[in-house]
Amino acid sequence: MVIKVNVPLFLASSVTALILLHTLVAIHMHMSMEWKGYARGKIHTIGLIICIFFGLFGCLYVAFLPDKLKEAREEQVRNLLEMLEKQRREPTDSHND
């Protein structure tokens, strides 16, 4: 028994499935860039274009982008710790009363 396959239909459905998968991955990488703090700007645009046109390499590009939001939080914590350290070192006037 021989099974006949409609080759053009098979190719069209395969290409459609690959385009859909590629689009879903690009959308996910777009959201990842926003989660990392690249909601707007040149890096965001370049990352999205690379994801769309270069697939896996674009995903790797986005994965290796530094997390801007995490860096900002760490900077705030450092500033707060420095301020607390300064206050601890300075003598307070309330102990002299």
PDB file of N, CA and C in Angstrom:
ATOM      1  N   MET A   1       0.835  -1.175   0.000  1.00  0.00           N
ATOM      2  CA  MET A   1       0.000   0.000   0.000  1.00  0.00           C
ATOM      3  C   MET A   1       0.886   1.246   0.000  1.00  0.00           C
ATOM      4  N   VAL A   2       0.659   2.132  -0.917  1.00  0.00           N
ATOM      5  CA  VAL A   2       1.435   3.357  -1.074  1.00  0.00           C
ATOM      6  C   VAL A   2       0.565   4.542  -0.652  1.00  0.00           C
ATOM      7  N   ILE A   3       1.156   5.384   0.173  1.00  0.00           N
ATOM      8  CA  ILE A   3       0.422   6.577   0.618  1.00  0.00           C
ATOM      9  C   ILE A   3       0.871   7.744  -0.238  1.00  0.00           C
ATOM     10  N   LYS A   4      -0.095   8.391  -0.854  1.00  0.00           N
ATOM     11  CA  LYS A   4       0.215   9.561  -1.668  1.00  0.00           C
ATOM     12  C   LYS A   4       0.192  10.805  -0.775  1.00  0.00           C
ATOM     13  N   VAL A   5       1.195  11.619  -0.935  1.00  0.00           N
ATOM     14  CA  VAL A   5       1.297  12.860  -0.170  1.00  0.00           C
ATOM     15  C   VAL A   5       1.215  14.019  -1.143  1.00  0.00           C
ATOM     16  N   ASN A   6       0.365  14.955  -0.837  1.00  0.00           N
ATOM     17  CA  ASN A   6       0.256  16.159  -1.640  1.00  0.00           C
ATOM     18  C   ASN A   6       1.435  17.062  -1.249  1.00  0.00           C
ATOM     19  N   VAL A   7       2.493  17.025  -2.037  1.00  0.00           N
ATOM     20  CA  VAL A   7       3.740  17.713  -1.694  1.00  0.00           C
ATOM     21  C   VAL A   7       3.556  19.216  -1.535  1.00  0.00           C
ATOM     22  N   PRO A   8       2.891  19.925  -2.455  1.00  0.00           N
ATOM     23  CA  PRO A   8       2.736  21.378  -2.257  1.00  0.00           C
ATOM     24  C   PRO A   8       1.973  21.720  -0.974  1.00  0.00           C
ATOM     25  N   LEU A   9       0.957  20.951  -0.656  1.00  0.00           N
ATOM     26  CA  LEU A   9       0.190  21.200   0.566  1.00  0.00           C
ATOM     27  C   LEU A   9       1.056  20.928   1.797  1.00  0.00           C
ATOM     28  N   PHE A  10       1.838  19.855   1.765  1.00  0.00           N
ATOM     29  CA  PHE A  10       2.730  19.519   2.870  1.00  0.00           C
ATOM     30  C   PHE A  10       3.774  20.617   3.078  1.00  0.00           C
ATOM     31  N   LEU A  11       4.372  21.106   1.999  1.00  0.00           N
ATOM     32  CA  LEU A  11       5.367  22.172   2.101  1.00  0.00           C
ATOM     33  C   LEU A  11       4.752  23.465   2.623  1.00  0.00           C
ATOM     34  N   ALA A  12       3.570  23.794   2.126  1.00  0.00           N
ATOM     35  CA  ALA A  12       2.899  25.023   2.557  1.00  0.00           C
ATOM     36  C   ALA A  12       2.566  24.963   4.040  1.00  0.00           C
ATOM     37  N   SER A  13       2.075  23.829   4.502  1.00  0.00           N
ATOM     38  CA  SER A  13       1.729  23.719   5.920  1.00  0.00           C
ATOM     39  C   SER A  13       2.991  23.712   6.796  1.00  0.00           C
ATOM     40  N   SER A  14       4.065  23.106   6.308  1.00  0.00           N
ATOM     41  CA  SER A  14       5.324  23.100   7.063  1.00  0.00           C
ATOM     42  C   SER A  14       5.894  24.500   7.177  1.00  0.00           C
ATOM     43  N   VAL A  15       5.903  25.232   6.076  1.00  0.00           N
ATOM     44  CA  VAL A  15       6.414  26.604   6.086  1.00  0.00           C
ATOM     45  C   VAL A  15       5.562  27.480   6.994  1.00  0.00           C
ATOM     46  N   THR A  16       4.254  27.308   6.939  1.00  0.00           N
ATOM     47  CA  THR A  16       3.353  28.081   7.792  1.00  0.00           C
ATOM     48  C   THR A  16       3.625  27.788   9.269  1.00  0.00           C
ATOM     49  N   ALA A  17       3.827  26.515   9.607  1.00  0.00           N
ATOM     50  CA  ALA A  17       4.113  26.144  10.996  1.00  0.00           C
ATOM     51  C   ALA A  17       5.442  26.737  11.453  1.00  0.00           C
ATOM     52  N   LEU A  18       6.447  26.723  10.593  1.00  0.00           N
ATOM     53  CA  LEU A  18       7.745  27.298  10.947  1.00  0.00           C
ATOM     54  C   LEU A  18       7.663  28.807  11.129  1.00  0.00           C
ATOM     55  N   ILE A  19       6.924  29.473  10.276  1.00  0.00           N
ATOM     56  CA  ILE A  19       6.746  30.926  10.410  1.00  0.00           C
ATOM     57  C   ILE A  19       6.016  31.253  11.706  1.00  0.00           C
ATOM     58  N   LEU A  20       5.004  30.476  12.040  1.00  0.00           N
ATOM     59  CA  LEU A  20       4.268  30.688  13.285  1.00  0.00           C
ATOM     60  C   LEU A  20       5.184  30.479  14.497  1.00  0.00           C
ATOM     61  N   LEU A  21       5.967  29.430  14.492  1.00  0.00           N
ATOM     62  CA  LEU A  21       6.901  29.164  15.583  1.00  0.00           C
ATOM     63  C   LEU A  21       7.936  30.279  15.707  1.00  0.00           C
ATOM     64  N   HIS A  22       8.463  30.705  14.572  1.00  0.00           N
ATOM     65  CA  HIS A  22       9.460  31.782  14.549  1.00  0.00           C
ATOM     66  C   HIS A  22       8.864  33.075  15.112  1.00  0.00           C
ATOM     67  N   THR A  23       7.630  33.362  14.748  1.00  0.00           N
ATOM     68  CA  THR A  23       6.949  34.560  15.236  1.00  0.00           C
ATOM     69  C   THR A  23       6.738  34.485  16.743  1.00  0.00           C
ATOM     70  N   LEU A  24       6.327  33.325  17.244  1.00  0.00           N
ATOM     71  CA  LEU A  24       6.126  33.171  18.688  1.00  0.00           C
ATOM     72  C   LEU A  24       7.432  33.351  19.462  1.00  0.00           C
ATOM     73  N   VAL A  25       8.518  32.833  18.931  1.00  0.00           N
ATOM     74  CA  VAL A  25       9.820  32.998  19.592  1.00  0.00           C
ATOM     75  C   VAL A  25      10.234  34.471  19.578  1.00  0.00           C
ATOM     76  N   ALA A  26      10.023  35.157  18.452  1.00  0.00           N
ATOM     77  CA  ALA A  26      10.370  36.583  18.367  1.00  0.00           C
ATOM     78  C   ALA A  26       9.540  37.404  19.356  1.00  0.00           C
ATOM     79  N   ILE A  27       8.266  37.064  19.502  1.00  0.00           N
ATOM     80  CA  ILE A  27       7.415  37.776  20.465  1.00  0.00           C
ATOM     81  C   ILE A  27       7.913  37.537  21.888  1.00  0.00           C
ATOM     82  N   HIS A  28       8.287  36.305  22.190  1.00  0.00           N
ATOM     83  CA  HIS A  28       8.810  36.005  23.527  1.00  0.00           C
ATOM     84  C   HIS A  28      10.117  36.766  23.790  1.00  0.00           C
ATOM     85  N   MET A  29      10.985  36.852  22.805  1.00  0.00           N
ATOM     86  CA  MET A  29      12.237  37.591  22.976  1.00  0.00           C
ATOM     87  C   MET A  29      11.952  39.082  23.142  1.00  0.00           C
ATOM     88  N   HIS A  30      10.944  39.575  22.456  1.00  0.00           N
ATOM     89  CA  HIS A  30      10.522  40.969  22.603  1.00  0.00           C
ATOM     90  C   HIS A  30      10.100  41.221  24.057  1.00  0.00           C
ATOM     91  N   MET A  31       9.308  40.316  24.631  1.00  0.00           N
ATOM     92  CA  MET A  31       8.889  40.465  26.021  1.00  0.00           C
ATOM     93  C   MET A  31      10.089  40.352  26.964  1.00  0.00           C
ATOM     94  N   SER A  32      11.029  39.481  26.649  1.00  0.00           N
ATOM     95  CA  SER A  32      12.225  39.336  27.479  1.00  0.00           C
ATOM     96  C   SER A  32      13.034  40.626  27.510  1.00  0.00           C
ATOM     97  N   MET A  33      13.128  41.294  26.368  1.00  0.00           N
ATOM     98  CA  MET A  33      13.846  42.572  26.340  1.00  0.00           C
ATOM     99  C   MET A  33      13.146  43.605  27.210  1.00  0.00           C
ATOM    100  N   GLU A  34      11.814  43.615  27.198  1.00  0.00           N
ATOM    101  CA  GLU A  34      11.081  44.549  28.051  1.00  0.00           C
ATOM    102  C   GLU A  34      11.297  44.218  29.525  1.00  0.00           C
ATOM    103  N   TRP A  35      11.326  42.931  29.873  1.00  0.00           N
ATOM    104  CA  TRP A  35      11.560  42.530  31.265  1.00  0.00           C
ATOM    105  C   TRP A  35      12.955  42.915  31.727  1.00  0.00           C
ATOM    106  N   LYS A  36      13.891  43.001  30.796  1.00  0.00           N
ATOM    107  CA  LYS A  36      15.261  43.375  31.151  1.00  0.00           C
ATOM    108  C   LYS A  36      15.457  44.891  31.164  1.00  0.00           C
ATOM    109  N   GLY A  37      14.429  45.654  30.813  1.00  0.00           N
ATOM    110  CA  GLY A  37      14.521  47.106  30.874  1.00  0.00           C
ATOM    111  C   GLY A  37      14.794  47.779  29.544  1.00  0.00           C
ATOM    112  N   TYR A  38      14.657  47.064  28.455  1.00  0.00           N
ATOM    113  CA  TYR A  38      14.888  47.630  27.120  1.00  0.00           C
ATOM    114  C   TYR A  38      13.561  47.839  26.403  1.00  0.00           C
ATOM    115  N   ALA A  39      12.653  48.599  27.017  1.00  0.00           N
ATOM    116  CA  ALA A  39      11.324  48.789  26.435  1.00  0.00           C
ATOM    117  C   ALA A  39      11.358  49.688  25.203  1.00  0.00           C
ATOM    118  N   ARG A  40      12.276  50.601  25.165  1.00  0.00           N
ATOM    119  CA  ARG A  40      12.372  51.512  24.021  1.00  0.00           C
ATOM    120  C   ARG A  40      13.842  51.743  23.704  1.00  0.00           C
ATOM    121  N   GLY A  41      14.070  52.273  22.536  1.00  0.00           N
ATOM    122  CA  GLY A  41      15.430  52.670  22.198  1.00  0.00           C
ATOM    123  C   GLY A  41      16.073  51.818  21.129  1.00  0.00           C
ATOM    124  N   LYS A  42      17.315  52.165  20.874  1.00  0.00           N
ATOM    125  CA  LYS A  42      18.074  51.559  19.783  1.00  0.00           C
ATOM    126  C   LYS A  42      18.323  50.066  20.021  1.00  0.00           C
ATOM    127  N   ILE A  43      18.708  49.701  21.235  1.00  0.00           N
ATOM    128  CA  ILE A  43      18.991  48.299  21.551  1.00  0.00           C
ATOM    129  C   ILE A  43      17.743  47.451  21.345  1.00  0.00           C
ATOM    130  N   HIS A  44      16.590  47.961  21.766  1.00  0.00           N
ATOM    131  CA  HIS A  44      15.331  47.226  21.619  1.00  0.00           C
ATOM    132  C   HIS A  44      15.031  46.961  20.150  1.00  0.00           C
ATOM    133  N   THR A  45      15.180  47.977  19.320  1.00  0.00           N
ATOM    134  CA  THR A  45      14.904  47.833  17.889  1.00  0.00           C
ATOM    135  C   THR A  45      15.888  46.861  17.241  1.00  0.00           C
ATOM    136  N   ILE A  46      17.154  47.013  17.549  1.00  0.00           N
ATOM    137  CA  ILE A  46      18.167  46.123  16.979  1.00  0.00           C
ATOM    138  C   ILE A  46      17.919  44.683  17.427  1.00  0.00           C
ATOM    139  N   GLY A  47      17.608  44.485  18.704  1.00  0.00           N
ATOM    140  CA  GLY A  47      17.343  43.144  19.217  1.00  0.00           C
ATOM    141  C   GLY A  47      16.158  42.490  18.550  1.00  0.00           C
ATOM    142  N   LEU A  48      15.094  43.259  18.339  1.00  0.00           N
ATOM    143  CA  LEU A  48      13.913  42.711  17.682  1.00  0.00           C
ATOM    144  C   LEU A  48      14.212  42.336  16.243  1.00  0.00           C
ATOM    145  N   ILE A  49      14.938  43.177  15.523  1.00  0.00           N
ATOM    146  CA  ILE A  49      15.289  42.876  14.127  1.00  0.00           C
ATOM    147  C   ILE A  49      16.182  41.638  14.052  1.00  0.00           C
ATOM    148  N   ILE A  50      17.149  41.545  14.969  1.00  0.00           N
ATOM    149  CA  ILE A  50      18.039  40.380  14.974  1.00  0.00           C
ATOM    150  C   ILE A  50      17.244  39.114  15.276  1.00  0.00           C
ATOM    151  N   CYS A  51      16.305  39.190  16.224  1.00  0.00           N
ATOM    152  CA  CYS A  51      15.482  38.012  16.544  1.00  0.00           C
ATOM    153  C   CYS A  51      14.653  37.573  15.343  1.00  0.00           C
ATOM    154  N   ILE A  52      14.092  38.517  14.649  1.00  0.00           N
ATOM    155  CA  ILE A  52      13.236  38.169  13.514  1.00  0.00           C
ATOM    156  C   ILE A  52      14.046  37.589  12.365  1.00  0.00           C
ATOM    157  N   PHE A  53      15.171  38.207  12.036  1.00  0.00           N
ATOM    158  CA  PHE A  53      15.902  37.788  10.837  1.00  0.00           C
ATOM    159  C   PHE A  53      16.943  36.700  11.086  1.00  0.00           C
ATOM    160  N   PHE A  54      17.460  36.589  12.313  1.00  0.00           N
ATOM    161  CA  PHE A  54      18.535  35.631  12.556  1.00  0.00           C
ATOM    162  C   PHE A  54      18.161  34.502  13.505  1.00  0.00           C
ATOM    163  N   GLY A  55      16.914  34.460  13.949  1.00  0.00           N
ATOM    164  CA  GLY A  55      16.415  33.341  14.738  1.00  0.00           C
ATOM    165  C   GLY A  55      17.201  33.071  15.999  1.00  0.00           C
ATOM    166  N   LEU A  56      17.894  31.944  16.045  1.00  0.00           N
ATOM    167  CA  LEU A  56      18.611  31.511  17.238  1.00  0.00           C
ATOM    168  C   LEU A  56      19.662  32.522  17.674  1.00  0.00           C
ATOM    169  N   PHE A  57      20.378  33.111  16.736  1.00  0.00           N
ATOM    170  CA  PHE A  57      21.406  34.093  17.087  1.00  0.00           C
ATOM    171  C   PHE A  57      20.776  35.333  17.722  1.00  0.00           C
ATOM    172  N   GLY A  58      19.606  35.707  17.264  1.00  0.00           N
ATOM    173  CA  GLY A  58      18.888  36.820  17.880  1.00  0.00           C
ATOM    174  C   GLY A  58      18.450  36.492  19.291  1.00  0.00           C
ATOM    175  N   CYS A  59      18.022  35.243  19.496  1.00  0.00           N
ATOM    176  CA  CYS A  59      17.627  34.811  20.842  1.00  0.00           C
ATOM    177  C   CYS A  59      18.829  34.839  21.785  1.00  0.00           C
ATOM    178  N   LEU A  60      19.977  34.406  21.305  1.00  0.00           N
ATOM    179  CA  LEU A  60      21.187  34.444  22.116  1.00  0.00           C
ATOM    180  C   LEU A  60      21.582  35.883  22.436  1.00  0.00           C
ATOM    181  N   TYR A  61      21.424  36.784  21.454  1.00  0.00           N
ATOM    182  CA  TYR A  61      21.721  38.202  21.669  1.00  0.00           C
ATOM    183  C   TYR A  61      20.876  38.747  22.811  1.00  0.00           C
ATOM    184  N   VAL A  62      19.588  38.460  22.790  1.00  0.00           N
ATOM    185  CA  VAL A  62      18.690  38.953  23.833  1.00  0.00           C
ATOM    186  C   VAL A  62      19.022  38.298  25.174  1.00  0.00           C
ATOM    187  N   ALA A  63      19.338  37.026  25.154  1.00  0.00           N
ATOM    188  CA  ALA A  63      19.642  36.320  26.399  1.00  0.00           C
ATOM    189  C   ALA A  63      20.871  36.902  27.083  1.00  0.00           C
ATOM    190  N   PHE A  64      21.837  37.378  26.319  1.00  0.00           N
ATOM    191  CA  PHE A  64      23.064  37.896  26.900  1.00  0.00           C
ATOM    192  C   PHE A  64      23.029  39.398  27.168  1.00  0.00           C
ATOM    193  N   LEU A  65      21.911  40.062  26.904  1.00  0.00           N
ATOM    194  CA  LEU A  65      21.801  41.478  27.252  1.00  0.00           C
ATOM    195  C   LEU A  65      21.813  41.624  28.772  1.00  0.00           C
ATOM    196  N   PRO A  66      22.526  42.617  29.294  1.00  0.00           N
ATOM    197  CA  PRO A  66      22.504  42.814  30.751  1.00  0.00           C
ATOM    198  C   PRO A  66      21.130  43.289  31.215  1.00  0.00           C
ATOM    199  N   ASP A  67      20.781  42.942  32.420  1.00  0.00           N
ATOM    200  CA  ASP A  67      19.488  43.307  32.989  1.00  0.00           C
ATOM    201  C   ASP A  67      19.588  44.719  33.574  1.00  0.00           C
ATOM    202  N   LYS A  68      19.054  45.697  32.852  1.00  0.00           N
ATOM    203  CA  LYS A  68      19.147  47.094  33.291  1.00  0.00           C
ATOM    204  C   LYS A  68      18.358  47.333  34.575  1.00  0.00           C
ATOM    205  N   LEU A  69      17.221  46.687  34.726  1.00  0.00           N
ATOM    206  CA  LEU A  69      16.410  46.895  35.922  1.00  0.00           C
ATOM    207  C   LEU A  69      17.112  46.342  37.157  1.00  0.00           C
ATOM    208  N   LYS A  70      17.751  45.193  37.009  1.00  0.00           N
ATOM    209  CA  LYS A  70      18.494  44.605  38.134  1.00  0.00           C
ATOM    210  C   LYS A  70      19.664  45.505  38.523  1.00  0.00           C
ATOM    211  N   GLU A  71      20.357  46.056  37.535  1.00  0.00           N
ATOM    212  CA  GLU A  71      21.474  46.959  37.809  1.00  0.00           C
ATOM    213  C   GLU A  71      21.004  48.205  38.541  1.00  0.00           C
ATOM    214  N   ALA A  72      19.840  48.729  38.150  1.00  0.00           N
ATOM    215  CA  ALA A  72      19.303  49.924  38.808  1.00  0.00           C
ATOM    216  C   ALA A  72      18.939  49.618  40.266  1.00  0.00           C
ATOM    217  N   ARG A  73      18.333  48.444  40.505  1.00  0.00           N
ATOM    218  CA  ARG A  73      17.998  48.064  41.882  1.00  0.00           C
ATOM    219  C   ARG A  73      19.257  47.892  42.719  1.00  0.00           C
ATOM    220  N   GLU A  74      20.284  47.267  42.146  1.00  0.00           N
ATOM    221  CA  GLU A  74      21.534  47.085  42.878  1.00  0.00           C
ATOM    222  C   GLU A  74      22.183  48.423  43.209  1.00  0.00           C
ATOM    223  N   GLU A  75      22.107  49.376  42.300  1.00  0.00           N
ATOM    224  CA  GLU A  75      22.656  50.711  42.545  1.00  0.00           C
ATOM    225  C   GLU A  75      21.902  51.400  43.679  1.00  0.00           C
ATOM    226  N   GLN A  76      20.584  51.250  43.707  1.00  0.00           N
ATOM    227  CA  GLN A  76      19.799  51.835  44.793  1.00  0.00           C
ATOM    228  C   GLN A  76      20.177  51.220  46.138  1.00  0.00           C
ATOM    229  N   VAL A  77      20.374  49.915  46.159  1.00  0.00           N
ATOM    230  CA  VAL A  77      20.764  49.246  47.398  1.00  0.00           C
ATOM    231  C   VAL A  77      22.148  49.722  47.846  1.00  0.00           C
ATOM    232  N   ARG A  78      23.088  49.848  46.906  1.00  0.00           N
ATOM    233  CA  ARG A  78      24.423  50.346  47.247  1.00  0.00           C
ATOM    234  C   ARG A  78      24.351  51.747  47.837  1.00  0.00           C
ATOM    235  N   ASN A  79      23.565  52.626  47.214  1.00  0.00           N
ATOM    236  CA  ASN A  79      23.425  53.997  47.725  1.00  0.00           C
ATOM    237  C   ASN A  79      22.816  54.007  49.124  1.00  0.00           C
ATOM    238  N   LEU A  80      21.813  53.178  49.345  1.00  0.00           N
ATOM    239  CA  LEU A  80      21.178  53.106  50.653  1.00  0.00           C
ATOM    240  C   LEU A  80      22.161  52.597  51.711  1.00  0.00           C
ATOM    241  N   LEU A  81      22.924  51.570  51.366  1.00  0.00           N
ATOM    242  CA  LEU A  81      23.907  51.051  52.313  1.00  0.00           C
ATOM    243  C   LEU A  81      24.994  52.081  52.629  1.00  0.00           C
ATOM    244  N   GLU A  82      25.430  52.831  51.638  1.00  0.00           N
ATOM    245  CA  GLU A  82      26.417  53.887  51.868  1.00  0.00           C
ATOM    246  C   GLU A  82      25.857  54.964  52.785  1.00  0.00           C
ATOM    247  N   MET A  83      24.599  55.330  52.576  1.00  0.00           N
ATOM    248  CA  MET A  83      23.964  56.347  53.410  1.00  0.00           C
ATOM    249  C   MET A  83      23.846  55.848  54.850  1.00  0.00           C
ATOM    250  N   LEU A  84      23.445  54.592  55.030  1.00  0.00           N
ATOM    251  CA  LEU A  84      23.334  54.037  56.379  1.00  0.00           C
ATOM    252  C   LEU A  84      24.694  53.939  57.057  1.00  0.00           C
ATOM    253  N   GLU A  85      25.714  53.590  56.303  1.00  0.00           N
ATOM    254  CA  GLU A  85      27.070  53.506  56.850  1.00  0.00           C
ATOM    255  C   GLU A  85      27.550  54.884  57.303  1.00  0.00           C
ATOM    256  N   LYS A  86      27.250  55.926  56.514  1.00  0.00           N
ATOM    257  CA  LYS A  86      27.614  57.302  56.880  1.00  0.00           C
ATOM    258  C   LYS A  86      26.912  57.717  58.165  1.00  0.00           C
ATOM    259  N   GLN A  87      25.627  57.404  58.269  1.00  0.00           N
ATOM    260  CA  GLN A  87      24.866  57.769  59.463  1.00  0.00           C
ATOM    261  C   GLN A  87      25.397  57.032  60.685  1.00  0.00           C
ATOM    262  N   ARG A  88      25.820  55.801  60.503  1.00  0.00           N
ATOM    263  CA  ARG A  88      26.341  55.021  61.621  1.00  0.00           C
ATOM    264  C   ARG A  88      27.664  55.592  62.116  1.00  0.00           C
ATOM    265  N   ARG A  89      28.484  56.080  61.205  1.00  0.00           N
ATOM    266  CA  ARG A  89      29.790  56.625  61.574  1.00  0.00           C
ATOM    267  C   ARG A  89      29.699  58.004  62.219  1.00  0.00           C
ATOM    268  N   GLU A  90      28.731  58.812  61.821  1.00  0.00           N
ATOM    269  CA  GLU A  90      28.591  60.149  62.362  1.00  0.00           C
ATOM    270  C   GLU A  90      27.998  60.078  63.772  1.00  0.00           C
ATOM    271  N   PRO A  91      28.574  60.827  64.672  1.00  0.00           N
ATOM    272  CA  PRO A  91      27.970  60.836  66.027  1.00  0.00           C
ATOM    273  C   PRO A  91      26.644  61.575  65.977  1.00  0.00           C
ATOM    274  N   THR A  92      25.714  61.078  66.714  1.00  0.00           N
ATOM    275  CA  THR A  92      24.394  61.723  66.734  1.00  0.00           C
ATOM    276  C   THR A  92      24.309  62.681  67.911  1.00  0.00           C
ATOM    277  N   ASP A  93      23.517  63.735  67.752  1.00  0.00           N
ATOM    278  CA  ASP A  93      23.327  64.736  68.816  1.00  0.00           C
ATOM    279  C   ASP A  93      22.390  64.243  69.894  1.00  0.00           C
ATOM    280  N   SER A  94      21.590  63.233  69.631  1.00  0.00           N
ATOM    281  CA  SER A  94      20.615  62.756  70.610  1.00  0.00           C
ATOM    282  C   SER A  94      21.301  62.068  71.799  1.00  0.00           C
ATOM    283  N   HIS A  95      22.515  61.538  71.640  1.00  0.00           N
ATOM    284  CA  HIS A  95      23.195  60.888  72.751  1.00  0.00           C
ATOM    285  C   HIS A  95      23.804  61.907  73.716  1.00  0.00           C
ATOM    286  N   ASN A  96      24.009  63.121  73.267  1.00  0.00           N
ATOM    287  CA  ASN A  96      24.627  64.149  74.111  1.00  0.00           C
ATOM    288  C   ASN A  96      23.619  64.823  75.034  1.00  0.00           C
ATOM    289  N   ASP A  97      22.344  64.630  74.823  1.00  0.00           N
ATOM    290  CA  ASP A  97      21.323  65.314  75.641  1.00  0.00           C
ATOM    291  C   ASP A  97      21.177  64.732  76.991  1.00  0.00           C
TER     292      ASP A  97
END
